[in-house]
């Protein structure tokens, strides 16, 4: 039952993320696109925190790990679509997204693909029930997050 609920939750998350990212391409204002991006990152952060808390607990709940790993993988897969043209600092809207996201599209794309690959691996391990390996994989996920932050995210204003 818990596995079914985790998969149902992951599927729902994927549909919502797809709908939100499709809306970005459909003509949201820069402010709305930046807010949506910020909300997506908050969701990713919440999933990563929930996973970290589970792994630090000493007795991770496999259902929570599976659901949060699926959520993290689903959102990471859509991350590049959160940065449509005109949603950087030039928009006049407060954002930590640095211009290099748009001037180094290949570098940004590579960083996003790394995150997607690492979170997909995490999700596969969690879905297979290998919670110990999923916990170890969180280091690679964290490294992918941090690597992107260093180059593509500015300091908090």
N, C-alpha and C. Protein backbone atom coordinates (compact mmCIF):
# COMPACT_ATOMS: atom_id res chain seq x y z
N UNK A 1 0.83 -1.19 0.00
CA UNK A 1 0.00 0.00 0.00
C UNK A 1 0.87 1.25 0.00
N UNK A 2 1.90 1.30 0.86
CA UNK A 2 2.75 2.48 0.93
C UNK A 2 3.45 2.72 -0.40
N UNK A 3 3.90 1.65 -1.05
CA UNK A 3 4.56 1.80 -2.34
C UNK A 3 3.60 2.39 -3.36
N UNK A 4 2.37 1.89 -3.38
CA UNK A 4 1.36 2.42 -4.30
C UNK A 4 1.10 3.89 -4.06
N UNK A 5 1.02 4.29 -2.80
CA UNK A 5 0.79 5.70 -2.48
C UNK A 5 1.99 6.53 -2.90
N UNK A 6 3.20 6.02 -2.72
CA UNK A 6 4.40 6.75 -3.14
C UNK A 6 4.42 6.96 -4.64
N UNK A 7 4.07 5.91 -5.39
CA UNK A 7 4.04 6.03 -6.84
C UNK A 7 2.93 6.97 -7.29
N UNK A 8 1.78 6.90 -6.63
CA UNK A 8 0.67 7.79 -6.97
C UNK A 8 1.09 9.24 -6.70
N UNK A 9 1.75 9.48 -5.58
CA UNK A 9 2.22 10.82 -5.24
C UNK A 9 3.26 11.30 -6.25
N UNK A 10 4.15 10.43 -6.66
CA UNK A 10 5.17 10.79 -7.65
C UNK A 10 4.53 11.12 -8.99
N UNK A 11 3.54 10.34 -9.38
CA UNK A 11 2.85 10.60 -10.65
C UNK A 11 2.12 11.93 -10.59
N UNK A 12 1.47 12.20 -9.47
CA UNK A 12 0.77 13.48 -9.32
C UNK A 12 1.75 14.63 -9.37
N UNK A 13 2.88 14.50 -8.69
CA UNK A 13 3.91 15.54 -8.71
C UNK A 13 4.40 15.77 -10.13
N UNK A 14 4.65 14.70 -10.86
CA UNK A 14 5.16 14.84 -12.23
C UNK A 14 4.15 15.58 -13.11
N UNK A 15 2.88 15.27 -12.95
CA UNK A 15 1.84 15.94 -13.74
C UNK A 15 1.78 17.42 -13.37
N UNK A 16 1.83 17.73 -12.09
CA UNK A 16 1.78 19.14 -11.66
C UNK A 16 3.00 19.90 -12.14
N UNK A 17 4.17 19.29 -12.05
CA UNK A 17 5.39 19.94 -12.52
C UNK A 17 5.31 20.17 -14.02
N UNK A 18 4.84 19.19 -14.77
CA UNK A 18 4.72 19.35 -16.22
C UNK A 18 3.75 20.47 -16.54
N UNK A 19 2.62 20.52 -15.85
CA UNK A 19 1.63 21.57 -16.11
C UNK A 19 2.22 22.94 -15.80
N UNK A 20 2.95 23.04 -14.72
CA UNK A 20 3.53 24.34 -14.35
C UNK A 20 4.59 24.77 -15.35
N UNK A 21 5.43 23.85 -15.78
CA UNK A 21 6.48 24.22 -16.72
C UNK A 21 5.91 24.49 -18.10
N UNK A 22 4.84 23.81 -18.47
CA UNK A 22 4.19 24.10 -19.74
C UNK A 22 3.61 25.51 -19.69
N UNK A 23 3.08 25.92 -18.54
CA UNK A 23 2.53 27.26 -18.39
C UNK A 23 3.62 28.32 -18.59
N UNK A 24 4.83 28.04 -18.16
CA UNK A 24 5.92 29.00 -18.34
C UNK A 24 6.12 29.30 -19.81
N UNK A 25 6.12 28.25 -20.61
CA UNK A 25 6.33 28.44 -22.03
C UNK A 25 5.12 29.09 -22.69
N UNK A 26 3.97 28.99 -22.04
CA UNK A 26 2.73 29.50 -22.62
C UNK A 26 2.53 30.99 -22.39
N UNK A 27 3.47 31.68 -21.78
CA UNK A 27 3.37 33.12 -21.70
C UNK A 27 3.11 33.71 -20.33
N UNK A 28 3.59 33.12 -19.28
CA UNK A 28 3.51 33.75 -17.98
C UNK A 28 4.35 35.02 -18.00
N UNK A 29 4.00 35.96 -17.16
CA UNK A 29 4.83 37.15 -17.02
C UNK A 29 6.16 36.73 -16.38
N UNK A 30 7.17 37.57 -16.51
CA UNK A 30 8.46 37.27 -15.90
C UNK A 30 8.30 37.08 -14.40
N UNK A 31 7.50 37.95 -13.77
CA UNK A 31 7.30 37.83 -12.32
C UNK A 31 6.66 36.50 -11.95
N UNK A 32 5.65 36.07 -12.71
CA UNK A 32 4.98 34.80 -12.44
C UNK A 32 5.92 33.62 -12.69
N UNK A 33 6.72 33.71 -13.75
CA UNK A 33 7.66 32.64 -14.07
C UNK A 33 8.72 32.53 -12.98
N UNK A 34 9.20 33.66 -12.49
CA UNK A 34 10.22 33.65 -11.43
C UNK A 34 9.62 33.11 -10.14
N UNK A 35 8.38 33.49 -9.83
CA UNK A 35 7.72 32.96 -8.64
C UNK A 35 7.53 31.45 -8.76
N UNK A 36 7.10 30.99 -9.93
CA UNK A 36 6.93 29.55 -10.13
C UNK A 36 8.26 28.82 -9.96
N UNK A 37 9.33 29.39 -10.52
CA UNK A 37 10.66 28.79 -10.38
C UNK A 37 11.05 28.71 -8.91
N UNK A 38 10.84 29.80 -8.19
CA UNK A 38 11.16 29.84 -6.76
C UNK A 38 10.37 28.77 -6.01
N UNK A 39 9.09 28.64 -6.34
CA UNK A 39 8.26 27.63 -5.69
C UNK A 39 8.76 26.21 -6.00
N UNK A 40 9.18 25.97 -7.25
CA UNK A 40 9.73 24.66 -7.61
C UNK A 40 10.98 24.36 -6.79
N UNK A 41 11.84 25.35 -6.64
CA UNK A 41 13.06 25.13 -5.85
C UNK A 41 12.73 24.89 -4.38
N UNK A 42 11.72 25.57 -3.86
CA UNK A 42 11.31 25.32 -2.48
C UNK A 42 10.81 23.89 -2.34
N UNK A 43 10.07 23.41 -3.33
CA UNK A 43 9.59 22.02 -3.31
C UNK A 43 10.77 21.04 -3.34
N UNK A 44 11.76 21.34 -4.19
CA UNK A 44 12.94 20.48 -4.25
C UNK A 44 13.68 20.49 -2.91
N UNK A 45 13.82 21.68 -2.35
CA UNK A 45 14.50 21.80 -1.06
C UNK A 45 13.78 21.04 0.04
N UNK A 46 12.46 21.11 0.03
CA UNK A 46 11.67 20.39 1.03
C UNK A 46 11.85 18.88 0.88
N UNK A 47 11.87 18.41 -0.36
CA UNK A 47 12.08 16.98 -0.60
C UNK A 47 13.47 16.56 -0.15
N UNK A 48 14.47 17.37 -0.48
CA UNK A 48 15.85 17.04 -0.08
C UNK A 48 15.98 17.05 1.45
N UNK A 49 15.35 18.02 2.09
CA UNK A 49 15.40 18.08 3.56
C UNK A 49 14.71 16.86 4.17
N UNK A 50 13.55 16.50 3.63
CA UNK A 50 12.84 15.33 4.14
C UNK A 50 13.70 14.08 4.01
N UNK A 51 14.38 13.96 2.87
CA UNK A 51 15.28 12.81 2.67
C UNK A 51 16.44 12.85 3.67
N UNK A 52 17.06 14.01 3.79
CA UNK A 52 18.17 14.15 4.73
C UNK A 52 17.75 13.81 6.15
N UNK A 53 16.58 14.28 6.55
CA UNK A 53 16.07 13.98 7.89
C UNK A 53 15.86 12.48 8.07
N UNK A 54 15.34 11.82 7.03
CA UNK A 54 15.13 10.38 7.11
C UNK A 54 16.45 9.64 7.27
N UNK A 55 17.43 10.02 6.46
CA UNK A 55 18.71 9.31 6.50
C UNK A 55 19.47 9.58 7.80
N UNK A 56 19.29 10.75 8.39
CA UNK A 56 19.95 11.08 9.65
C UNK A 56 19.26 10.43 10.84
N UNK A 57 18.01 9.99 10.65
CA UNK A 57 17.22 9.46 11.76
C UNK A 57 17.76 8.13 12.29
N UNK A 58 18.51 7.43 11.47
CA UNK A 58 19.00 6.12 11.87
C UNK A 58 18.04 4.99 11.52
N UNK A 59 16.80 5.33 11.26
CA UNK A 59 15.79 4.33 10.88
C UNK A 59 14.87 4.96 9.83
N UNK A 60 15.38 5.16 8.62
CA UNK A 60 14.56 5.81 7.59
C UNK A 60 13.31 5.03 7.25
N UNK A 61 12.23 5.76 7.05
CA UNK A 61 10.97 5.18 6.62
C UNK A 61 11.03 5.02 5.10
N UNK A 62 11.02 3.80 4.63
CA UNK A 62 11.19 3.52 3.20
C UNK A 62 10.12 4.21 2.36
N UNK A 63 8.89 4.28 2.86
CA UNK A 63 7.81 4.92 2.09
C UNK A 63 8.08 6.41 1.89
N UNK A 64 8.58 7.06 2.93
CA UNK A 64 8.90 8.49 2.82
C UNK A 64 10.08 8.68 1.88
N UNK A 65 11.09 7.85 2.02
CA UNK A 65 12.26 7.95 1.14
C UNK A 65 11.85 7.76 -0.31
N UNK A 66 11.04 6.76 -0.59
CA UNK A 66 10.59 6.51 -1.97
C UNK A 66 9.80 7.70 -2.52
N UNK A 67 8.87 8.21 -1.74
CA UNK A 67 8.03 9.32 -2.22
C UNK A 67 8.85 10.58 -2.45
N UNK A 68 9.74 10.89 -1.54
CA UNK A 68 10.52 12.13 -1.67
C UNK A 68 11.58 12.00 -2.76
N UNK A 69 12.15 10.83 -2.93
CA UNK A 69 13.11 10.62 -4.01
C UNK A 69 12.42 10.76 -5.36
N UNK A 70 11.21 10.24 -5.47
CA UNK A 70 10.45 10.36 -6.72
C UNK A 70 10.12 11.82 -7.00
N UNK A 71 9.73 12.55 -5.98
CA UNK A 71 9.42 13.97 -6.14
C UNK A 71 10.66 14.75 -6.58
N UNK A 72 11.78 14.47 -5.96
CA UNK A 72 13.03 15.16 -6.30
C UNK A 72 13.43 14.85 -7.74
N UNK A 73 13.33 13.61 -8.15
CA UNK A 73 13.70 13.24 -9.52
C UNK A 73 12.76 13.87 -10.54
N UNK A 74 11.48 13.89 -10.24
CA UNK A 74 10.50 14.47 -11.18
C UNK A 74 10.75 15.97 -11.36
N UNK A 75 11.01 16.67 -10.28
CA UNK A 75 11.23 18.12 -10.40
C UNK A 75 12.58 18.41 -11.05
N UNK A 76 13.60 17.66 -10.72
CA UNK A 76 14.92 17.90 -11.31
C UNK A 76 14.89 17.71 -12.82
N UNK A 77 14.09 16.77 -13.28
CA UNK A 77 14.02 16.50 -14.72
C UNK A 77 13.47 17.69 -15.51
N UNK A 78 12.69 18.54 -14.86
CA UNK A 78 12.08 19.67 -15.56
C UNK A 78 12.80 20.99 -15.31
N UNK A 79 13.82 20.99 -14.48
CA UNK A 79 14.50 22.22 -14.08
C UNK A 79 14.89 23.15 -15.24
N UNK A 80 15.43 22.68 -16.33
CA UNK A 80 15.82 23.63 -17.39
C UNK A 80 14.66 24.46 -17.94
N UNK A 81 13.45 23.96 -17.83
CA UNK A 81 12.30 24.69 -18.37
C UNK A 81 11.86 25.84 -17.46
N UNK A 82 12.44 25.93 -16.30
CA UNK A 82 12.07 26.97 -15.34
C UNK A 82 12.76 28.30 -15.63
N UNK A 83 13.58 28.35 -16.65
CA UNK A 83 14.39 29.54 -16.93
C UNK A 83 14.14 30.09 -18.33
N UNK A 84 12.89 30.45 -18.64
CA UNK A 84 12.64 31.01 -19.97
C UNK A 84 13.37 32.35 -20.14
N UNK A 85 13.64 32.70 -21.37
CA UNK A 85 14.28 33.99 -21.66
C UNK A 85 13.47 35.10 -21.03
N UNK A 86 14.18 36.10 -20.53
CA UNK A 86 13.53 37.26 -19.94
C UNK A 86 13.20 37.11 -18.47
N UNK A 87 13.66 36.01 -17.83
CA UNK A 87 13.37 35.82 -16.41
C UNK A 87 14.62 35.89 -15.54
N UNK A 88 15.64 36.54 -16.08
CA UNK A 88 16.85 36.77 -15.31
C UNK A 88 16.79 38.15 -14.67
N UNK A 89 17.93 38.64 -14.21
CA UNK A 89 17.98 39.95 -13.57
C UNK A 89 17.47 41.09 -14.46
N UNK A 90 17.59 40.93 -15.76
CA UNK A 90 17.12 41.96 -16.70
C UNK A 90 15.62 42.19 -16.62
N UNK A 91 14.90 41.26 -16.00
CA UNK A 91 13.44 41.39 -15.90
C UNK A 91 13.04 42.48 -14.91
N UNK A 92 13.97 42.85 -14.03
CA UNK A 92 13.65 43.82 -12.99
C UNK A 92 13.00 43.18 -11.77
N UNK A 93 12.77 41.88 -11.84
CA UNK A 93 12.18 41.14 -10.73
C UNK A 93 13.31 40.50 -9.93
N UNK A 94 13.20 40.56 -8.61
CA UNK A 94 14.23 39.98 -7.75
C UNK A 94 14.40 38.50 -8.05
N UNK A 95 15.62 38.10 -8.38
CA UNK A 95 15.94 36.69 -8.64
C UNK A 95 17.41 36.47 -8.33
N UNK A 96 17.73 35.29 -7.88
CA UNK A 96 19.12 34.91 -7.65
C UNK A 96 19.73 34.25 -8.88
N UNK A 97 18.92 34.05 -9.91
CA UNK A 97 19.41 33.44 -11.14
C UNK A 97 20.40 34.41 -11.80
N UNK A 98 21.59 33.92 -12.05
CA UNK A 98 22.63 34.76 -12.66
C UNK A 98 22.52 34.74 -14.19
N UNK A 99 22.94 35.81 -14.84
CA UNK A 99 22.88 35.88 -16.31
C UNK A 99 23.59 34.73 -17.01
N UNK A 100 24.57 34.12 -16.36
CA UNK A 100 25.34 33.03 -16.96
C UNK A 100 24.43 31.85 -17.34
N UNK A 101 23.27 31.75 -16.70
CA UNK A 101 22.33 30.69 -17.06
C UNK A 101 21.97 30.79 -18.54
N UNK A 102 21.80 32.01 -19.02
CA UNK A 102 21.38 32.23 -20.41
C UNK A 102 22.57 32.45 -21.35
N UNK A 103 23.71 32.91 -20.81
CA UNK A 103 24.87 33.12 -21.68
C UNK A 103 25.70 31.86 -21.84
N UNK A 104 25.60 30.93 -20.89
CA UNK A 104 26.30 29.64 -20.98
C UNK A 104 25.25 28.53 -20.93
N UNK A 105 24.41 28.51 -21.95
CA UNK A 105 23.32 27.53 -21.98
C UNK A 105 23.84 26.11 -21.96
N UNK A 106 24.97 25.85 -22.63
CA UNK A 106 25.53 24.50 -22.65
C UNK A 106 25.98 24.09 -21.25
N UNK A 107 26.62 24.99 -20.54
CA UNK A 107 27.07 24.70 -19.18
C UNK A 107 25.91 24.49 -18.23
N UNK A 108 24.89 25.33 -18.36
CA UNK A 108 23.71 25.20 -17.52
C UNK A 108 22.99 23.89 -17.82
N UNK A 109 22.87 23.58 -19.10
CA UNK A 109 22.21 22.34 -19.50
C UNK A 109 22.96 21.13 -18.96
N UNK A 110 24.28 21.17 -19.01
CA UNK A 110 25.09 20.06 -18.50
C UNK A 110 24.90 19.90 -16.99
N UNK A 111 24.87 21.02 -16.27
CA UNK A 111 24.67 20.96 -14.82
C UNK A 111 23.28 20.41 -14.50
N UNK A 112 22.28 20.84 -15.25
CA UNK A 112 20.92 20.35 -15.04
C UNK A 112 20.82 18.86 -15.34
N UNK A 113 21.51 18.41 -16.39
CA UNK A 113 21.50 16.98 -16.74
C UNK A 113 22.17 16.15 -15.65
N UNK A 114 23.23 16.69 -15.06
CA UNK A 114 23.90 16.00 -13.96
C UNK A 114 22.95 15.84 -12.79
N UNK A 115 22.25 16.92 -12.44
CA UNK A 115 21.29 16.83 -11.34
C UNK A 115 20.20 15.82 -11.66
N UNK A 116 19.67 15.87 -12.86
CA UNK A 116 18.62 14.93 -13.26
C UNK A 116 19.11 13.49 -13.18
N UNK A 117 20.33 13.25 -13.63
CA UNK A 117 20.89 11.89 -13.59
C UNK A 117 21.09 11.41 -12.15
N UNK A 118 21.61 12.28 -11.30
CA UNK A 118 21.87 11.88 -9.91
C UNK A 118 20.57 11.65 -9.15
N UNK A 119 19.55 12.49 -9.41
CA UNK A 119 18.28 12.28 -8.72
C UNK A 119 17.54 11.07 -9.28
N UNK A 120 17.71 10.79 -10.57
CA UNK A 120 17.10 9.58 -11.15
C UNK A 120 17.73 8.33 -10.53
N UNK A 121 19.04 8.38 -10.32
CA UNK A 121 19.72 7.25 -9.69
C UNK A 121 19.21 7.08 -8.25
N UNK A 122 19.07 8.19 -7.54
CA UNK A 122 18.52 8.15 -6.18
C UNK A 122 17.13 7.53 -6.19
N UNK A 123 16.31 7.97 -7.11
CA UNK A 123 14.94 7.47 -7.21
C UNK A 123 14.93 5.96 -7.50
N UNK A 124 15.79 5.52 -8.41
CA UNK A 124 15.86 4.09 -8.73
C UNK A 124 16.25 3.26 -7.51
N UNK A 125 17.23 3.74 -6.77
CA UNK A 125 17.67 3.02 -5.57
C UNK A 125 16.56 2.97 -4.53
N UNK A 126 15.90 4.10 -4.33
CA UNK A 126 14.82 4.16 -3.34
C UNK A 126 13.66 3.26 -3.78
N UNK A 127 13.29 3.33 -5.04
CA UNK A 127 12.18 2.52 -5.56
C UNK A 127 12.47 1.03 -5.43
N UNK A 128 13.75 0.66 -5.56
CA UNK A 128 14.14 -0.74 -5.43
C UNK A 128 14.24 -1.18 -3.97
N UNK A 129 14.08 -0.23 -3.06
CA UNK A 129 14.14 -0.56 -1.64
C UNK A 129 15.54 -0.58 -1.06
N UNK A 130 16.52 -0.12 -1.82
CA UNK A 130 17.90 -0.09 -1.32
C UNK A 130 18.13 1.25 -0.63
N UNK A 131 17.58 1.36 0.56
CA UNK A 131 17.57 2.62 1.31
C UNK A 131 18.99 3.03 1.70
N UNK A 132 19.84 2.09 2.05
CA UNK A 132 21.22 2.42 2.41
C UNK A 132 21.96 3.04 1.21
N UNK A 133 21.81 2.45 0.04
CA UNK A 133 22.46 2.99 -1.15
C UNK A 133 21.85 4.34 -1.53
N UNK A 134 20.54 4.50 -1.33
CA UNK A 134 19.89 5.78 -1.60
C UNK A 134 20.48 6.85 -0.69
N UNK A 135 20.70 6.51 0.56
CA UNK A 135 21.32 7.46 1.50
C UNK A 135 22.70 7.87 1.04
N UNK A 136 23.47 6.92 0.57
CA UNK A 136 24.81 7.24 0.06
C UNK A 136 24.72 8.10 -1.20
N UNK A 137 23.72 7.86 -2.03
CA UNK A 137 23.53 8.61 -3.27
C UNK A 137 23.19 10.07 -3.00
N UNK A 138 22.68 10.38 -1.82
CA UNK A 138 22.36 11.77 -1.50
C UNK A 138 23.59 12.67 -1.56
N UNK A 139 24.78 12.11 -1.34
CA UNK A 139 26.00 12.92 -1.46
C UNK A 139 26.19 13.39 -2.90
N UNK A 140 25.95 12.51 -3.85
CA UNK A 140 26.08 12.88 -5.25
C UNK A 140 25.01 13.90 -5.64
N UNK A 141 23.81 13.73 -5.11
CA UNK A 141 22.73 14.69 -5.38
C UNK A 141 23.11 16.05 -4.80
N UNK A 142 23.59 16.06 -3.58
CA UNK A 142 24.01 17.31 -2.96
C UNK A 142 25.14 17.98 -3.72
N UNK A 143 26.06 17.19 -4.22
CA UNK A 143 27.16 17.74 -5.02
C UNK A 143 26.66 18.37 -6.30
N UNK A 144 25.67 17.73 -6.93
CA UNK A 144 25.10 18.28 -8.16
C UNK A 144 24.36 19.58 -7.87
N UNK A 145 23.64 19.63 -6.77
CA UNK A 145 22.94 20.86 -6.38
C UNK A 145 23.96 21.97 -6.12
N UNK A 146 24.93 21.67 -5.30
CA UNK A 146 25.93 22.67 -4.93
C UNK A 146 26.74 23.17 -6.11
N UNK A 147 27.09 22.27 -7.02
CA UNK A 147 27.86 22.68 -8.19
C UNK A 147 27.10 23.69 -9.04
N UNK A 148 25.82 23.50 -9.17
CA UNK A 148 24.99 24.43 -9.93
C UNK A 148 24.87 25.76 -9.19
N UNK A 149 24.66 25.68 -7.89
CA UNK A 149 24.50 26.90 -7.10
C UNK A 149 25.74 27.79 -7.20
N UNK A 150 26.90 27.20 -7.18
CA UNK A 150 28.14 28.00 -7.20
C UNK A 150 28.28 28.82 -8.46
N UNK A 151 27.86 28.27 -9.59
CA UNK A 151 28.06 28.97 -10.86
C UNK A 151 26.84 29.76 -11.31
N UNK A 152 25.66 29.30 -11.00
CA UNK A 152 24.45 29.85 -11.61
C UNK A 152 23.52 30.59 -10.66
N UNK A 153 23.81 30.61 -9.38
CA UNK A 153 22.94 31.28 -8.40
C UNK A 153 23.71 32.32 -7.64
N UNK A 154 23.15 33.50 -7.58
CA UNK A 154 23.78 34.60 -6.88
C UNK A 154 23.47 34.57 -5.40
N UNK A 155 24.14 35.46 -4.66
CA UNK A 155 23.90 35.52 -3.21
C UNK A 155 22.51 36.07 -2.90
N UNK A 156 22.04 35.75 -1.71
CA UNK A 156 20.76 36.27 -1.30
C UNK A 156 20.87 37.77 -1.12
N UNK A 157 19.91 38.49 -1.62
CA UNK A 157 19.96 39.95 -1.54
C UNK A 157 19.27 40.45 -0.29
